[in-house]
Amino acid sequence: MKSIVVAFFASKLHGENYYYPIYEEMRKLIENEGKTIEFTPVITNENEARELAMKYSEFYPVIISLTGGTSSLIRRFVNEGNYNSVVLFGHGEHNSLPSVISARSKLDINGVWTWVFHCRNVDSMDCTLEVKRMMKITKAVASILNSKILLISPIEEKPEYIEDFEARFNSTVDVISMDKLVSYMNNAKKDLIDHFLETFDKVEFKVSRDRIIEVAKLYAVVKSLVEEGRYDAVAIDCFPYLVKYKVTPCLALALLNSESSIIACEGDLLSTVLMMISKSLTGVSGWIANSVLFEGVRAYFAHCTIALNMIKDPVVLSHFESGEPYSITGRLINNVYTIASLSPDYSVVMATAGRIIDSGLVFKHMCRTQSILDLGFRADKIPLVAASNHHVLIPGDVREELKAIAALLGLDYVEYSDAVSTL
């Protein structure tokens, strides 16, 4: 992931007595959102813009215009830093926002991906909330760019589809084979194994626990690999693992995703991106699920794993397709979810929001955790336009945040209701 730098711009014409208190207030607001964020001093001339852009060229930039008369300085900073994506912030005094709009319009023409945040004045509660929202979105974008991902695959040779992900987000994907992963299990950390077993001791099982230790060891090994390799996320190609070892990683993923990790199943890097976004925006990983049925205004999603902190009353069952241990079911905690999918070429995010009608183990012939949502429009045409089968359900209605993230990553954003309205 990229580190974040917040760059401040001002014109001396407006006077230091005006813009330095705003600088201090904005810095204080942003410091509350993360201790690892870097800050520039106030930039007031082209030499400062050039030198600081070069110093922070590997960072992801948040640009704050304290006053008017800063548009050309902002553009110089962006050009010298060779940034292709920037967050811009302005406020309603001393022509701050007009400078931001001017800079944005010219940066857009030059192919820089931008999004503008603004508020009336920096000491208002509205501004505090807007800064919090801006930094959540910024951290979501920065978490994906230059990310380091681990793929657990049948073989250690990189699949071709990884190259698209690496190129699109300037990221690195390391591959480890299933067999190598399993070879580490005899040395799995006992404290991590115990933590897993203690967690699932409190969960109801409707199948035998006789193979739970295998999943506990898998959990411990994956968690250790993430920590030692400093990976931002993991994707596991779980069906080959299931076929070979006759046990699923579903419970390991359920616990890992409820902690600090982001783990996608089926080797799905598309959903990995959306899960990383969910974690940044909401603090939870989101739920990767199959889109199994669309009927009237209702959408049905199902999968055999979900983060433990996204459900209540969890129950462990056999895996749906195979009958092997283990899968998990539970009722979703939130009432409203954003449903998002990403196209295989990483060019389009499609999304809508829906309200939960029912969830848990509702049907016999679907994966074990299920949800039925009312989307409020004719959902039965979604299969004609859906970007992908897998969708990630993100708690709450975060579509506006998703639009901003898509724009800053150079992706098109499409509402499902708009996509189906012309069919």
Foldseek 3Di string as FASTA:
>chain_A
DFAEEEAEEEECVVPPVQQVVVVVLLVVLVCVQDVRYHYDDYDHDQVSLLVVLCVQLRHAYEYEYSAPPCLVSVLSNCVNSVAQFYEYEAEQPRCRVVSRVSNVVVSVVVRRQYDYFYYHGSVDPVNSVRSNLVVLLVVLLRLQAQFEEEEEAQDQDDDPLVVLSCVLRVYHYGYDYPVVLLVCLVVFDPVQLVVLVVVCVPAAEPDDCPCVSVLSSSLRSVVVCCVVVVGSAYEYLFPVVCVVVVETNQSSQQAQQLDRYAYHYNRDVQLSSVQSSLCSNPVGRFFKWFFDAFDFQKTKTAAQHHHPVQFPRKYWAAWQPPRGDTGIWGWGDAFKWKKWGAASSRAEIEIAMWGWPTWTQPDNRGTGTMTMTRRPGRRRCCVVPPRDRIITIHHDPCVVSVCSSCSSSNHHYHYSCVVPVVD
